[in-house]
Amino acid sequence: MVTVSCLLLSYGWDLHYGAGESLLAFSTAKGNIGLVKVAQTLQSSPSIGLVQEYTTSAVFDVQGPICEADKRSVTALSWIQPPRRNVRYLSFPTFSDA
């Protein structure tokens, strides 16, 4: 069993109308850090009446570990996005047990 110590979800962004992606970063109690890519879609269904009906779906893609355990616990996770740049960095301070 894996104990998750921190979770951080990036805000979703629209790739096009009705679809979006976000990243879920996580750390374990042993110091591993990983990512899960979450892709969501929203589709309108034919409806009868005034209320529109929608169907949602989500796909979760677990990425390989981005940081292996090094016997230090992660104390926080944070997304950093520089101004005017379409890129995000994951920051994680650690605490040494030694």
N, C-alpha and C. Protein backbone atom coordinates (compact mmCIF):
# COMPACT_ATOMS: atom_id res chain seq x y z
N MET A 1 0.84 -1.16 0.00
CA MET A 1 0.00 0.00 0.00
C MET A 1 0.89 1.24 0.00
N VAL A 2 0.49 2.24 -0.78
CA VAL A 2 1.23 3.50 -0.89
C VAL A 2 0.47 4.57 -0.14
N THR A 3 1.17 5.32 0.69
CA THR A 3 0.56 6.43 1.42
C THR A 3 0.89 7.72 0.70
N VAL A 4 -0.14 8.44 0.26
CA VAL A 4 0.04 9.71 -0.42
C VAL A 4 0.10 10.82 0.62
N SER A 5 1.14 11.65 0.54
CA SER A 5 1.30 12.71 1.55
C SER A 5 0.88 14.09 1.05
N CYS A 6 0.96 14.35 -0.27
CA CYS A 6 0.56 15.65 -0.82
C CYS A 6 -0.11 15.44 -2.17
N LEU A 7 -1.11 16.26 -2.47
CA LEU A 7 -1.77 16.28 -3.77
C LEU A 7 -1.85 17.71 -4.25
N LEU A 8 -1.69 17.92 -5.56
CA LEU A 8 -1.81 19.25 -6.14
C LEU A 8 -2.35 19.12 -7.55
N LEU A 9 -3.50 19.75 -7.81
CA LEU A 9 -4.13 19.70 -9.12
C LEU A 9 -3.90 21.02 -9.84
N SER A 10 -3.39 20.94 -11.06
CA SER A 10 -3.25 22.16 -11.86
C SER A 10 -4.63 22.54 -12.37
N TYR A 11 -4.84 23.82 -12.62
CA TYR A 11 -6.12 24.22 -13.17
C TYR A 11 -6.21 23.69 -14.59
N GLY A 12 -7.41 23.32 -14.98
CA GLY A 12 -7.62 22.79 -16.33
C GLY A 12 -7.61 23.89 -17.36
N TRP A 13 -7.23 23.58 -18.54
CA TRP A 13 -7.27 24.55 -19.61
C TRP A 13 -7.99 23.92 -20.79
N ASP A 14 -8.70 24.73 -21.54
CA ASP A 14 -9.46 24.24 -22.68
C ASP A 14 -8.55 24.02 -23.87
N LEU A 15 -8.53 22.80 -24.36
CA LEU A 15 -7.83 22.54 -25.61
C LEU A 15 -8.72 22.99 -26.76
N HIS A 16 -9.98 22.76 -26.63
CA HIS A 16 -11.02 23.24 -27.53
C HIS A 16 -12.33 23.08 -26.77
N TYR A 17 -13.39 23.60 -27.31
CA TYR A 17 -14.66 23.57 -26.60
C TYR A 17 -15.05 22.14 -26.23
N GLY A 18 -15.35 21.92 -24.97
CA GLY A 18 -15.82 20.62 -24.51
C GLY A 18 -14.73 19.66 -24.06
N ALA A 19 -13.48 20.10 -24.04
CA ALA A 19 -12.40 19.21 -23.61
C ALA A 19 -11.38 20.02 -22.81
N GLY A 20 -10.72 19.35 -21.89
CA GLY A 20 -9.69 20.02 -21.10
C GLY A 20 -8.75 19.00 -20.49
N GLU A 21 -7.61 19.48 -20.08
CA GLU A 21 -6.60 18.63 -19.42
C GLU A 21 -6.08 19.34 -18.18
N SER A 22 -5.67 18.55 -17.22
CA SER A 22 -4.98 19.08 -16.05
C SER A 22 -4.00 18.02 -15.57
N LEU A 23 -3.12 18.42 -14.70
CA LEU A 23 -2.13 17.50 -14.13
C LEU A 23 -2.34 17.40 -12.63
N LEU A 24 -2.30 16.19 -12.12
CA LEU A 24 -2.38 15.94 -10.69
C LEU A 24 -1.01 15.47 -10.24
N ALA A 25 -0.34 16.28 -9.44
CA ALA A 25 0.96 15.90 -8.88
C ALA A 25 0.73 15.30 -7.50
N PHE A 26 1.52 14.30 -7.16
CA PHE A 26 1.38 13.67 -5.85
C PHE A 26 2.75 13.27 -5.31
N SER A 27 2.83 13.20 -4.01
CA SER A 27 4.04 12.68 -3.37
C SER A 27 3.63 11.60 -2.38
N THR A 28 4.52 10.66 -2.18
CA THR A 28 4.25 9.58 -1.25
C THR A 28 5.01 9.83 0.05
N ALA A 29 4.67 9.07 1.06
CA ALA A 29 5.32 9.21 2.37
C ALA A 29 6.81 8.89 2.29
N LYS A 30 7.23 8.12 1.29
CA LYS A 30 8.64 7.76 1.16
C LYS A 30 9.44 8.75 0.31
N GLY A 31 8.75 9.76 -0.26
CA GLY A 31 9.46 10.79 -1.01
C GLY A 31 9.34 10.68 -2.52
N ASN A 32 8.64 9.68 -3.06
CA ASN A 32 8.42 9.60 -4.50
C ASN A 32 7.50 10.72 -4.94
N ILE A 33 7.70 11.24 -6.14
CA ILE A 33 6.82 12.25 -6.71
C ILE A 33 6.39 11.76 -8.08
N GLY A 34 5.10 11.87 -8.37
CA GLY A 34 4.58 11.41 -9.65
C GLY A 34 3.51 12.34 -10.18
N LEU A 35 3.10 12.07 -11.42
CA LEU A 35 2.07 12.87 -12.09
C LEU A 35 1.00 11.96 -12.66
N VAL A 36 -0.23 12.47 -12.67
CA VAL A 36 -1.34 11.83 -13.35
C VAL A 36 -1.93 12.87 -14.28
N LYS A 37 -1.97 12.57 -15.59
CA LYS A 37 -2.58 13.47 -16.55
C LYS A 37 -4.07 13.13 -16.61
N VAL A 38 -4.92 14.14 -16.41
CA VAL A 38 -6.36 13.95 -16.40
C VAL A 38 -6.94 14.67 -17.62
N ALA A 39 -7.57 13.92 -18.52
CA ALA A 39 -8.21 14.49 -19.70
C ALA A 39 -9.72 14.30 -19.55
N GLN A 40 -10.47 15.38 -19.67
CA GLN A 40 -11.91 15.32 -19.51
C GLN A 40 -12.60 15.84 -20.77
N THR A 41 -13.75 15.24 -21.08
CA THR A 41 -14.55 15.71 -22.21
C THR A 41 -16.00 15.89 -21.75
N LEU A 42 -16.66 16.79 -22.43
CA LEU A 42 -18.07 17.08 -22.17
C LEU A 42 -18.76 17.12 -23.52
N GLN A 43 -19.77 16.26 -23.69
CA GLN A 43 -20.49 16.21 -24.95
C GLN A 43 -21.98 16.37 -24.69
N SER A 44 -22.61 17.17 -25.52
CA SER A 44 -24.06 17.33 -25.38
C SER A 44 -24.75 16.15 -26.03
N SER A 45 -25.83 15.71 -25.41
CA SER A 45 -26.62 14.60 -25.91
C SER A 45 -27.93 15.15 -26.46
N PRO A 46 -28.50 14.47 -27.43
CA PRO A 46 -29.82 14.90 -27.91
C PRO A 46 -30.81 14.87 -26.74
N SER A 47 -31.58 15.92 -26.61
CA SER A 47 -32.52 15.97 -25.50
C SER A 47 -33.89 16.41 -25.98
N ILE A 48 -34.85 16.08 -25.16
CA ILE A 48 -36.23 16.48 -25.42
C ILE A 48 -36.61 17.46 -24.32
N GLY A 49 -37.11 18.61 -24.68
CA GLY A 49 -37.48 19.58 -23.67
C GLY A 49 -36.51 20.74 -23.61
N LEU A 50 -36.59 21.48 -22.53
CA LEU A 50 -35.80 22.69 -22.38
C LEU A 50 -34.43 22.48 -21.77
N VAL A 51 -34.23 21.36 -21.09
CA VAL A 51 -32.96 21.14 -20.38
C VAL A 51 -32.02 20.31 -21.25
N GLN A 52 -30.85 20.87 -21.51
CA GLN A 52 -29.83 20.16 -22.30
C GLN A 52 -29.19 19.08 -21.43
N GLU A 53 -28.94 17.91 -22.01
CA GLU A 53 -28.28 16.82 -21.29
C GLU A 53 -26.85 16.68 -21.81
N TYR A 54 -25.95 16.32 -20.88
CA TYR A 54 -24.54 16.19 -21.22
C TYR A 54 -24.00 14.85 -20.75
N THR A 55 -22.98 14.39 -21.44
CA THR A 55 -22.25 13.19 -21.06
C THR A 55 -20.81 13.60 -20.79
N THR A 56 -20.27 13.17 -19.67
CA THR A 56 -18.88 13.49 -19.34
C THR A 56 -18.05 12.21 -19.32
N SER A 57 -16.79 12.37 -19.59
CA SER A 57 -15.86 11.24 -19.48
C SER A 57 -14.51 11.78 -19.02
N ALA A 58 -13.74 10.93 -18.41
CA ALA A 58 -12.40 11.30 -17.94
C ALA A 58 -11.45 10.13 -18.16
N VAL A 59 -10.25 10.46 -18.56
CA VAL A 59 -9.20 9.47 -18.75
C VAL A 59 -8.04 9.86 -17.84
N PHE A 60 -7.54 8.91 -17.06
CA PHE A 60 -6.44 9.15 -16.14
C PHE A 60 -5.22 8.40 -16.64
N ASP A 61 -4.14 9.12 -16.92
CA ASP A 61 -2.91 8.55 -17.43
C ASP A 61 -1.81 8.75 -16.40
N VAL A 62 -1.46 7.68 -15.69
CA VAL A 62 -0.43 7.77 -14.65
C VAL A 62 0.94 7.81 -15.33
N GLN A 63 1.65 8.91 -15.10
CA GLN A 63 2.98 9.08 -15.66
C GLN A 63 3.98 8.37 -14.75
N GLY A 64 5.12 8.03 -15.29
CA GLY A 64 6.15 7.41 -14.49
C GLY A 64 6.61 8.35 -13.39
N PRO A 65 7.27 7.84 -12.36
CA PRO A 65 7.73 8.73 -11.29
C PRO A 65 8.68 9.79 -11.86
N ILE A 66 8.50 11.03 -11.40
CA ILE A 66 9.39 12.10 -11.87
C ILE A 66 10.51 12.36 -10.87
N CYS A 67 10.38 11.79 -9.69
CA CYS A 67 11.42 11.92 -8.68
C CYS A 67 11.37 10.67 -7.79
N GLU A 68 12.46 9.95 -7.73
CA GLU A 68 12.51 8.74 -6.91
C GLU A 68 12.70 9.10 -5.43
N ALA A 69 12.31 8.18 -4.59
CA ALA A 69 12.44 8.37 -3.15
C ALA A 69 13.91 8.54 -2.77
N ASP A 70 14.16 9.50 -1.90
CA ASP A 70 15.52 9.72 -1.42
C ASP A 70 15.56 9.89 0.10
N LYS A 71 14.59 9.30 0.78
CA LYS A 71 14.48 9.30 2.24
C LYS A 71 14.18 10.67 2.84
N ARG A 72 13.73 11.62 2.00
CA ARG A 72 13.30 12.91 2.50
C ARG A 72 11.81 13.05 2.22
N SER A 73 11.07 13.58 3.16
CA SER A 73 9.64 13.74 2.95
C SER A 73 9.37 15.08 2.25
N VAL A 74 8.35 15.08 1.40
CA VAL A 74 7.95 16.29 0.70
C VAL A 74 6.99 17.05 1.60
N THR A 75 7.23 18.33 1.79
CA THR A 75 6.39 19.13 2.68
C THR A 75 5.31 19.90 1.95
N ALA A 76 5.46 20.11 0.64
CA ALA A 76 4.46 20.85 -0.13
C ALA A 76 4.74 20.66 -1.61
N LEU A 77 3.72 20.89 -2.42
CA LEU A 77 3.85 20.89 -3.87
C LEU A 77 3.29 22.21 -4.38
N SER A 78 3.90 22.76 -5.42
CA SER A 78 3.41 24.02 -5.96
C SER A 78 3.69 24.09 -7.46
N TRP A 79 2.70 24.55 -8.24
CA TRP A 79 2.90 24.81 -9.66
C TRP A 79 3.42 26.23 -9.81
N ILE A 80 4.45 26.40 -10.62
CA ILE A 80 5.01 27.72 -10.90
C ILE A 80 4.89 27.96 -12.40
N GLN A 81 4.27 29.09 -12.77
CA GLN A 81 4.15 29.46 -14.17
C GLN A 81 4.71 30.87 -14.36
N PRO A 82 5.85 30.96 -15.06
CA PRO A 82 6.44 32.28 -15.29
C PRO A 82 5.49 33.16 -16.11
N PRO A 83 5.55 34.48 -15.91
CA PRO A 83 4.70 35.39 -16.68
C PRO A 83 4.94 35.25 -18.19
N ARG A 84 3.88 35.32 -18.94
CA ARG A 84 3.92 35.29 -20.41
C ARG A 84 4.57 34.04 -20.98
N ARG A 85 4.54 32.95 -20.24
CA ARG A 85 5.11 31.68 -20.73
C ARG A 85 4.04 30.60 -20.62
N ASN A 86 3.92 29.77 -21.60
CA ASN A 86 2.94 28.69 -21.58
C ASN A 86 3.61 27.40 -21.10
N VAL A 87 4.20 27.47 -19.92
CA VAL A 87 4.87 26.31 -19.34
C VAL A 87 4.66 26.36 -17.83
N ARG A 88 4.62 25.19 -17.20
CA ARG A 88 4.49 25.13 -15.74
C ARG A 88 5.60 24.25 -15.19
N TYR A 89 6.09 24.64 -14.04
CA TYR A 89 7.10 23.86 -13.34
C TYR A 89 6.53 23.38 -12.02
N LEU A 90 6.94 22.22 -11.60
CA LEU A 90 6.52 21.68 -10.31
C LEU A 90 7.63 21.91 -9.30
N SER A 91 7.30 22.56 -8.21
CA SER A 91 8.27 22.84 -7.15
C SER A 91 7.89 22.04 -5.91
N PHE A 92 8.89 21.49 -5.24
CA PHE A 92 8.61 20.71 -4.04
C PHE A 92 9.74 20.85 -3.03
N PRO A 93 9.50 21.59 -1.96
CA PRO A 93 10.49 21.66 -0.87
C PRO A 93 10.51 20.32 -0.13
N THR A 94 11.64 19.98 0.40
CA THR A 94 11.76 18.71 1.14
C THR A 94 12.29 18.98 2.54
N PHE A 95 12.10 18.00 3.37
CA PHE A 95 12.57 18.07 4.76
C PHE A 95 13.45 16.86 4.99
N SER A 96 14.68 17.08 5.40
CA SER A 96 15.60 16.00 5.65
C SER A 96 15.39 15.46 7.06
N ASP A 97 15.32 14.13 7.15
CA ASP A 97 15.17 13.49 8.45
C ASP A 97 16.49 13.40 9.19
N ALA A 98 17.59 13.63 8.50
CA ALA A 98 18.90 13.50 9.13
C ALA A 98 19.28 14.72 9.92
